[in-house]
Amino acid sequence: MCLCCKAGLKGTLNRYNTKDLSVHHIIPIEEDYTKRMDGDNLITVCCVHHEMCEAGIITRETQRELALKSMHDAGEDADAPLVY
């Protein structure tokens, strides 16, 4: 689900939004390619919040806090590599 909607950030229409989701890189790949698969650099967002993240309306700090909270709630370690 969109972590921004879940947190009730500006632009939220449905708190538990599972439609039109994508993964957003908090620190863009173009800026730091080595962070492209870091769990604490990835956040699931809806199309509305993805645009807001890209535009800086939702700050990177807020995005990172949401990513870390989600990982903590799931019992994941932010420093652990993603496993497929």
PDB file of N, CA and C in Angstrom:
ATOM      1  N   MET A   1       0.834  -1.172   0.000  1.00  0.00           N
ATOM      2  CA  MET A   1       0.000   0.000   0.000  1.00  0.00           C
ATOM      3  C   MET A   1       0.883   1.241   0.000  1.00  0.00           C
ATOM      4  N   CYS A   2       0.308   2.358  -0.367  1.00  0.00           N
ATOM      5  CA  CYS A   2       1.051   3.616  -0.388  1.00  0.00           C
ATOM      6  C   CYS A   2       1.347   4.046   1.040  1.00  0.00           C
ATOM      7  N   LEU A   3       2.632   4.187   1.350  1.00  0.00           N
ATOM      8  CA  LEU A   3       3.016   4.567   2.706  1.00  0.00           C
ATOM      9  C   LEU A   3       2.656   6.009   3.025  1.00  0.00           C
ATOM     10  N   CYS A   4       2.579   6.847   2.010  1.00  0.00           N
ATOM     11  CA  CYS A   4       2.186   8.247   2.224  1.00  0.00           C
ATOM     12  C   CYS A   4       0.694   8.334   2.550  1.00  0.00           C
ATOM     13  N   CYS A   5      -0.119   7.556   1.844  1.00  0.00           N
ATOM     14  CA  CYS A   5      -1.553   7.513   2.146  1.00  0.00           C
ATOM     15  C   CYS A   5      -1.774   6.949   3.546  1.00  0.00           C
ATOM     16  N   LYS A   6      -1.050   5.869   3.859  1.00  0.00           N
ATOM     17  CA  LYS A   6      -1.179   5.245   5.178  1.00  0.00           C
ATOM     18  C   LYS A   6      -0.881   6.248   6.290  1.00  0.00           C
ATOM     19  N   ALA A   7       0.084   7.141   6.037  1.00  0.00           N
ATOM     20  CA  ALA A   7       0.451   8.164   7.023  1.00  0.00           C
ATOM     21  C   ALA A   7      -0.486   9.371   6.989  1.00  0.00           C
ATOM     22  N   GLY A   8      -1.399   9.406   6.013  1.00  0.00           N
ATOM     23  CA  GLY A   8      -2.359  10.507   5.926  1.00  0.00           C
ATOM     24  C   GLY A   8      -1.755  11.811   5.449  1.00  0.00           C
ATOM     25  N   LEU A   9      -0.710  11.725   4.624  1.00  0.00           N
ATOM     26  CA  LEU A   9      -0.081  12.946   4.120  1.00  0.00           C
ATOM     27  C   LEU A   9      -0.994  13.668   3.138  1.00  0.00           C
ATOM     28  N   LYS A  10      -0.674  14.930   2.877  1.00  0.00           N
ATOM     29  CA  LYS A  10      -1.433  15.746   1.930  1.00  0.00           C
ATOM     30  C   LYS A  10      -1.612  14.970   0.619  1.00  0.00           C
ATOM     31  N   GLY A  11      -2.804  15.006   0.066  1.00  0.00           N
ATOM     32  CA  GLY A  11      -3.106  14.305  -1.175  1.00  0.00           C
ATOM     33  C   GLY A  11      -3.756  12.948  -0.971  1.00  0.00           C
ATOM     34  N   THR A  12      -3.902  12.531   0.282  1.00  0.00           N
ATOM     35  CA  THR A  12      -4.488  11.219   0.587  1.00  0.00           C
ATOM     36  C   THR A  12      -5.999  11.254   0.410  1.00  0.00           C
ATOM     37  N   LEU A  13      -6.493  10.316  -0.389  1.00  0.00           N
ATOM     38  CA  LEU A  13      -7.937  10.158  -0.559  1.00  0.00           C
ATOM     39  C   LEU A  13      -8.430   8.894   0.132  1.00  0.00           C
ATOM     40  N   ASN A  14      -7.570   7.883   0.202  1.00  0.00           N
ATOM     41  CA  ASN A  14      -7.912   6.596   0.783  1.00  0.00           C
ATOM     42  C   ASN A  14      -6.721   6.145   1.617  1.00  0.00           C
ATOM     43  N   ARG A  15      -6.867   6.078   2.911  1.00  0.00           N
ATOM     44  CA  ARG A  15      -5.726   5.786   3.791  1.00  0.00           C
ATOM     45  C   ARG A  15      -5.057   4.460   3.470  1.00  0.00           C
ATOM     46  N   TYR A  16      -5.816   3.458   3.098  1.00  0.00           N
ATOM     47  CA  TYR A  16      -5.238   2.143   2.789  1.00  0.00           C
ATOM     48  C   TYR A  16      -5.283   1.906   1.278  1.00  0.00           C
ATOM     49  N   ASN A  17      -4.600   2.782   0.572  1.00  0.00           N
ATOM     50  CA  ASN A  17      -4.597   2.781  -0.892  1.00  0.00           C
ATOM     51  C   ASN A  17      -3.676   1.697  -1.443  1.00  0.00           C
ATOM     52  N   THR A  18      -4.238   0.825  -2.264  1.00  0.00           N
ATOM     53  CA  THR A  18      -3.451  -0.230  -2.914  1.00  0.00           C
ATOM     54  C   THR A  18      -3.539  -0.139  -4.436  1.00  0.00           C
ATOM     55  N   LYS A  19      -3.976   1.012  -4.944  1.00  0.00           N
ATOM     56  CA  LYS A  19      -4.144   1.176  -6.387  1.00  0.00           C
ATOM     57  C   LYS A  19      -3.046   2.050  -6.975  1.00  0.00           C
ATOM     58  N   ASP A  20      -2.656   1.740  -8.201  1.00  0.00           N
ATOM     59  CA  ASP A  20      -1.676   2.537  -8.949  1.00  0.00           C
ATOM     60  C   ASP A  20      -0.379   2.750  -8.165  1.00  0.00           C
ATOM     61  N   LEU A  21       0.176   1.661  -7.622  1.00  0.00           N
ATOM     62  CA  LEU A  21       1.380   1.742  -6.805  1.00  0.00           C
ATOM     63  C   LEU A  21       2.646   1.608  -7.641  1.00  0.00           C
ATOM     64  N   SER A  22       3.705   2.218  -7.142  1.00  0.00           N
ATOM     65  CA  SER A  22       5.033   2.054  -7.733  1.00  0.00           C
ATOM     66  C   SER A  22       6.057   2.205  -6.617  1.00  0.00           C
ATOM     67  N   VAL A  23       7.289   1.866  -6.942  1.00  0.00           N
ATOM     68  CA  VAL A  23       8.376   2.022  -5.983  1.00  0.00           C
ATOM     69  C   VAL A  23       9.142   3.286  -6.342  1.00  0.00           C
ATOM     70  N   HIS A  24       9.343   4.129  -5.361  1.00  0.00           N
ATOM     71  CA  HIS A  24      10.065   5.390  -5.543  1.00  0.00           C
ATOM     72  C   HIS A  24      11.422   5.283  -4.870  1.00  0.00           C
ATOM     73  N   HIS A  25      12.456   5.728  -5.567  1.00  0.00           N
ATOM     74  CA  HIS A  25      13.800   5.812  -4.984  1.00  0.00           C
ATOM     75  C   HIS A  25      13.931   7.164  -4.297  1.00  0.00           C
ATOM     76  N   ILE A  26      14.108   7.154  -2.990  1.00  0.00           N
ATOM     77  CA  ILE A  26      14.215   8.392  -2.232  1.00  0.00           C
ATOM     78  C   ILE A  26      15.418   9.198  -2.717  1.00  0.00           C
ATOM     79  N   ILE A  27      16.561   8.546  -2.783  1.00  0.00           N
ATOM     80  CA  ILE A  27      17.733   9.138  -3.432  1.00  0.00           C
ATOM     81  C   ILE A  27      17.751   8.553  -4.838  1.00  0.00           C
ATOM     82  N   PRO A  28      17.521   9.378  -5.856  1.00  0.00           N
ATOM     83  CA  PRO A  28      17.400   8.879  -7.230  1.00  0.00           C
ATOM     84  C   PRO A  28      18.625   8.086  -7.680  1.00  0.00           C
ATOM     85  N   ILE A  29      18.390   7.126  -8.552  1.00  0.00           N
ATOM     86  CA  ILE A  29      19.461   6.293  -9.105  1.00  0.00           C
ATOM     87  C   ILE A  29      20.519   7.161  -9.767  1.00  0.00           C
ATOM     88  N   GLU A  30      20.085   8.208 -10.448  1.00  0.00           N
ATOM     89  CA  GLU A  30      21.023   9.103 -11.129  1.00  0.00           C
ATOM     90  C   GLU A  30      21.966   9.795 -10.156  1.00  0.00           C
ATOM     91  N   GLU A  31      21.496   9.970  -8.935  1.00  0.00           N
ATOM     92  CA  GLU A  31      22.278  10.663  -7.910  1.00  0.00           C
ATOM     93  C   GLU A  31      23.232   9.714  -7.184  1.00  0.00           C
ATOM     94  N   ASP A  32      22.785   8.495  -6.914  1.00  0.00           N
ATOM     95  CA  ASP A  32      23.633   7.497  -6.247  1.00  0.00           C
ATOM     96  C   ASP A  32      23.164   6.095  -6.631  1.00  0.00           C
ATOM     97  N   TYR A  33      23.796   5.567  -7.657  1.00  0.00           N
ATOM     98  CA  TYR A  33      23.432   4.252  -8.204  1.00  0.00           C
ATOM     99  C   TYR A  33      23.587   3.140  -7.169  1.00  0.00           C
ATOM    100  N   THR A  34      24.514   3.284  -6.238  1.00  0.00           N
ATOM    101  CA  THR A  34      24.765   2.227  -5.254  1.00  0.00           C
ATOM    102  C   THR A  34      23.596   2.036  -4.293  1.00  0.00           C
ATOM    103  N   LYS A  35      22.700   3.006  -4.181  1.00  0.00           N
ATOM    104  CA  LYS A  35      21.558   2.917  -3.264  1.00  0.00           C
ATOM    105  C   LYS A  35      20.290   2.388  -3.938  1.00  0.00           C
ATOM    106  N   ARG A  36      20.416   1.973  -5.199  1.00  0.00           N
ATOM    107  CA  ARG A  36      19.233   1.596  -5.975  1.00  0.00           C
ATOM    108  C   ARG A  36      18.427   0.453  -5.369  1.00  0.00           C
ATOM    109  N   MET A  37      19.053  -0.432  -4.603  1.00  0.00           N
ATOM    110  CA  MET A  37      18.354  -1.576  -4.026  1.00  0.00           C
ATOM    111  C   MET A  37      18.339  -1.556  -2.499  1.00  0.00           C
ATOM    112  N   ASP A  38      18.766  -0.459  -1.890  1.00  0.00           N
ATOM    113  CA  ASP A  38      18.738  -0.350  -0.431  1.00  0.00           C
ATOM    114  C   ASP A  38      17.297  -0.204   0.042  1.00  0.00           C
ATOM    115  N   GLY A  39      16.891  -1.073   0.936  1.00  0.00           N
ATOM    116  CA  GLY A  39      15.518  -1.056   1.432  1.00  0.00           C
ATOM    117  C   GLY A  39      15.110   0.266   2.049  1.00  0.00           C
ATOM    118  N   ASP A  40      16.068   0.935   2.683  1.00  0.00           N
ATOM    119  CA  ASP A  40      15.723   2.213   3.312  1.00  0.00           C
ATOM    120  C   ASP A  40      15.751   3.372   2.315  1.00  0.00           C
ATOM    121  N   ASN A  41      15.998   3.060   1.037  1.00  0.00           N
ATOM    122  CA  ASN A  41      15.950   4.079  -0.015  1.00  0.00           C
ATOM    123  C   ASN A  41      14.739   3.878  -0.934  1.00  0.00           C
ATOM    124  N   LEU A  42      13.915   2.889  -0.618  1.00  0.00           N
ATOM    125  CA  LEU A  42      12.759   2.563  -1.448  1.00  0.00           C
ATOM    126  C   LEU A  42      11.476   2.758  -0.657  1.00  0.00           C
ATOM    127  N   ILE A  43      10.485   3.320  -1.339  1.00  0.00           N
ATOM    128  CA  ILE A  43       9.197   3.537  -0.683  1.00  0.00           C
ATOM    129  C   ILE A  43       8.085   3.249  -1.690  1.00  0.00           C
ATOM    130  N   THR A  44       7.067   2.554  -1.236  1.00  0.00           N
ATOM    131  CA  THR A  44       5.912   2.254  -2.085  1.00  0.00           C
ATOM    132  C   THR A  44       4.942   3.424  -2.005  1.00  0.00           C
ATOM    133  N   VAL A  45       4.589   3.966  -3.177  1.00  0.00           N
ATOM    134  CA  VAL A  45       3.708   5.132  -3.237  1.00  0.00           C
ATOM    135  C   VAL A  45       2.689   4.993  -4.365  1.00  0.00           C
ATOM    136  N   CYS A  46       1.584   5.688  -4.220  1.00  0.00           N
ATOM    137  CA  CYS A  46       0.595   5.776  -5.292  1.00  0.00           C
ATOM    138  C   CYS A  46       1.078   6.824  -6.298  1.00  0.00           C
ATOM    139  N   CYS A  47       0.374   6.926  -7.414  1.00  0.00           N
ATOM    140  CA  CYS A  47       0.813   7.859  -8.461  1.00  0.00           C
ATOM    141  C   CYS A  47       0.777   9.317  -7.987  1.00  0.00           C
ATOM    142  N   VAL A  48      -0.194   9.680  -7.167  1.00  0.00           N
ATOM    143  CA  VAL A  48      -0.287  11.054  -6.656  1.00  0.00           C
ATOM    144  C   VAL A  48       0.915  11.369  -5.772  1.00  0.00           C
ATOM    145  N   HIS A  49       1.210  10.485  -4.827  1.00  0.00           N
ATOM    146  CA  HIS A  49       2.319  10.729  -3.917  1.00  0.00           C
ATOM    147  C   HIS A  49       3.675  10.548  -4.596  1.00  0.00           C
ATOM    148  N   HIS A  50       3.733   9.713  -5.631  1.00  0.00           N
ATOM    149  CA  HIS A  50       4.988   9.575  -6.371  1.00  0.00           C
ATOM    150  C   HIS A  50       5.363  10.921  -6.989  1.00  0.00           C
ATOM    151  N   GLU A  51       4.412  11.579  -7.589  1.00  0.00           N
ATOM    152  CA  GLU A  51       4.668  12.904  -8.178  1.00  0.00           C
ATOM    153  C   GLU A  51       5.077  13.910  -7.104  1.00  0.00           C
ATOM    154  N   MET A  52       4.436  13.837  -5.943  1.00  0.00           N
ATOM    155  CA  MET A  52       4.767  14.759  -4.858  1.00  0.00           C
ATOM    156  C   MET A  52       6.176  14.498  -4.312  1.00  0.00           C
ATOM    157  N   CYS A  53       6.569  13.234  -4.256  1.00  0.00           N
ATOM    158  CA  CYS A  53       7.931  12.885  -3.825  1.00  0.00           C
ATOM    159  C   CYS A  53       8.946  13.385  -4.845  1.00  0.00           C
ATOM    160  N   GLU A  54       8.681  13.155  -6.121  1.00  0.00           N
ATOM    161  CA  GLU A  54       9.590  13.587  -7.187  1.00  0.00           C
ATOM    162  C   GLU A  54       9.758  15.103  -7.188  1.00  0.00           C
ATOM    163  N   ALA A  55       8.674  15.826  -6.892  1.00  0.00           N
ATOM    164  CA  ALA A  55       8.703  17.291  -6.910  1.00  0.00           C
ATOM    165  C   ALA A  55       9.286  17.887  -5.626  1.00  0.00           C
ATOM    166  N   GLY A  56       9.520  17.052  -4.618  1.00  0.00           N
ATOM    167  CA  GLY A  56      10.057  17.557  -3.354  1.00  0.00           C
ATOM    168  C   GLY A  56       8.999  18.105  -2.414  1.00  0.00           C
ATOM    169  N   ILE A  57       7.729  17.965  -2.787  1.00  0.00           N
ATOM    170  CA  ILE A  57       6.635  18.413  -1.920  1.00  0.00           C
ATOM    171  C   ILE A  57       6.624  17.565  -0.645  1.00  0.00           C
ATOM    172  N   ILE A  58       6.876  16.270  -0.817  1.00  0.00           N
ATOM    173  CA  ILE A  58       7.113  15.381   0.319  1.00  0.00           C
ATOM    174  C   ILE A  58       8.624  15.245   0.409  1.00  0.00           C
ATOM    175  N   THR A  59       9.200  15.719   1.482  1.00  0.00           N
ATOM    176  CA  THR A  59      10.655  15.774   1.597  1.00  0.00           C
ATOM    177  C   THR A  59      11.282  14.389   1.663  1.00  0.00           C
ATOM    178  N   ARG A  60      12.544  14.332   1.294  1.00  0.00           N
ATOM    179  CA  ARG A  60      13.290  13.076   1.401  1.00  0.00           C
ATOM    180  C   ARG A  60      13.331  12.595   2.841  1.00  0.00           C
ATOM    181  N   GLU A  61      13.433  13.526   3.770  1.00  0.00           N
ATOM    182  CA  GLU A  61      13.457  13.153   5.187  1.00  0.00           C
ATOM    183  C   GLU A  61      12.168  12.436   5.574  1.00  0.00           C
ATOM    184  N   THR A  62      11.037  12.974   5.161  1.00  0.00           N
ATOM    185  CA  THR A  62       9.746  12.344   5.444  1.00  0.00           C
ATOM    186  C   THR A  62       9.660  10.986   4.768  1.00  0.00           C
ATOM    187  N   GLN A  63      10.104  10.916   3.520  1.00  0.00           N
ATOM    188  CA  GLN A  63      10.081   9.646   2.796  1.00  0.00           C
ATOM    189  C   GLN A  63      10.916   8.590   3.519  1.00  0.00           C
ATOM    190  N   ARG A  64      12.109   8.980   3.950  1.00  0.00           N
ATOM    191  CA  ARG A  64      12.997   8.045   4.647  1.00  0.00           C
ATOM    192  C   ARG A  64      12.383   7.603   5.968  1.00  0.00           C
ATOM    193  N   GLU A  65      11.772   8.520   6.701  1.00  0.00           N
ATOM    194  CA  GLU A  65      11.109   8.157   7.960  1.00  0.00           C
ATOM    195  C   GLU A  65      10.013   7.124   7.713  1.00  0.00           C
ATOM    196  N   LEU A  66       9.228   7.313   6.652  1.00  0.00           N
ATOM    197  CA  LEU A  66       8.170   6.358   6.323  1.00  0.00           C
ATOM    198  C   LEU A  66       8.747   4.997   5.943  1.00  0.00           C
ATOM    199  N   ALA A  67       9.833   5.008   5.175  1.00  0.00           N
ATOM    200  CA  ALA A  67      10.471   3.751   4.768  1.00  0.00           C
ATOM    201  C   ALA A  67      11.012   3.011   5.992  1.00  0.00           C
ATOM    202  N   LEU A  68      11.702   3.730   6.869  1.00  0.00           N
ATOM    203  CA  LEU A  68      12.272   3.099   8.058  1.00  0.00           C
ATOM    204  C   LEU A  68      11.192   2.586   9.005  1.00  0.00           C
ATOM    205  N   LYS A  69      10.102   3.348   9.158  1.00  0.00           N
ATOM    206  CA  LYS A  69       8.996   2.902  10.011  1.00  0.00           C
ATOM    207  C   LYS A  69       8.371   1.632   9.453  1.00  0.00           C
ATOM    208  N   SER A  70       8.188   1.599   8.135  1.00  0.00           N
ATOM    209  CA  SER A  70       7.609   0.415   7.503  1.00  0.00           C
ATOM    210  C   SER A  70       8.500  -0.806   7.706  1.00  0.00           C
ATOM    211  N   MET A  71       9.812  -0.603   7.545  1.00  0.00           N
ATOM    212  CA  MET A  71      10.751  -1.712   7.739  1.00  0.00           C
ATOM    213  C   MET A  71      10.737  -2.164   9.196  1.00  0.00           C
ATOM    214  N   HIS A  72      10.721  -1.214  10.118  1.00  0.00           N
ATOM    215  CA  HIS A  72      10.683  -1.547  11.547  1.00  0.00           C
ATOM    216  C   HIS A  72       9.413  -2.331  11.882  1.00  0.00           C
ATOM    217  N   ASP A  73       8.274  -1.853  11.383  1.00  0.00           N
ATOM    218  CA  ASP A  73       6.993  -2.520  11.645  1.00  0.00           C
ATOM    219  C   ASP A  73       6.985  -3.945  11.095  1.00  0.00           C
ATOM    220  N   ALA A  74       7.732  -4.175  10.003  1.00  0.00           N
ATOM    221  CA  ALA A  74       7.805  -5.502   9.383  1.00  0.00           C
ATOM    222  C   ALA A  74       8.898  -6.369  10.017  1.00  0.00           C
ATOM    223  N   GLY A  75       9.631  -5.796  10.981  1.00  0.00           N
ATOM    224  CA  GLY A  75      10.700  -6.544  11.638  1.00  0.00           C
ATOM    225  C   GLY A  75      11.956  -6.688  10.791  1.00  0.00           C
ATOM    226  N   GLU A  76      12.136  -5.765   9.839  1.00  0.00           N
ATOM    227  CA  GLU A  76      13.302  -5.815   8.966  1.00  0.00           C
ATOM    228  C   GLU A  76      14.364  -4.849   9.444  1.00  0.00           C
ATOM    229  N   ASP A  77      15.618  -5.192   9.162  1.00  0.00           N
ATOM    230  CA  ASP A  77      16.762  -4.364   9.491  1.00  0.00           C
ATOM    231  C   ASP A  77      17.085  -3.481   8.303  1.00  0.00           C
ATOM    232  N   ALA A  78      17.179  -2.169   8.526  1.00  0.00           N
ATOM    233  CA  ALA A  78      17.462  -1.219   7.437  1.00  0.00           C
ATOM    234  C   ALA A  78      18.799  -1.480   6.782  1.00  0.00           C
ATOM    235  N   ASP A  79      19.737  -2.094   7.490  1.00  0.00           N
ATOM    236  CA  ASP A  79      21.064  -2.346   6.943  1.00  0.00           C
ATOM    237  C   ASP A  79      21.156  -3.694   6.227  1.00  0.00           C
ATOM    238  N   ALA A  80      20.138  -4.510   6.338  1.00  0.00           N
ATOM    239  CA  ALA A  80      20.173  -5.823   5.694  1.00  0.00           C
ATOM    240  C   ALA A  80      19.912  -5.669   4.199  1.00  0.00           C
ATOM    241  N   PRO A  81      20.624  -6.433   3.376  1.00  0.00           N
ATOM    242  CA  PRO A  81      20.388  -6.355   1.931  1.00  0.00           C
ATOM    243  C   PRO A  81      19.047  -6.961   1.563  1.00  0.00           C
ATOM    244  N   LEU A  82      18.479  -6.501   0.460  1.00  0.00           N
ATOM    245  CA  LEU A  82      17.235  -7.097  -0.033  1.00  0.00           C
ATOM    246  C   LEU A  82      17.546  -8.474  -0.576  1.00  0.00           C
ATOM    247  N   VAL A  83      16.666  -9.418  -0.307  1.00  0.00           N
ATOM    248  CA  VAL A  83      16.852 -10.792  -0.772  1.00  0.00           C
ATOM    249  C   VAL A  83      15.692 -11.137  -1.682  1.00  0.00           C
ATOM    250  N   TYR A  84      16.007 -11.761  -2.813  1.00  0.00           N
ATOM    251  CA  TYR A  84      14.965 -12.172  -3.763  1.00  0.00           C
ATOM    252  C   TYR A  84      14.825 -13.660  -3.782  1.00  0.00           C
TER     253      TYR A  84
END
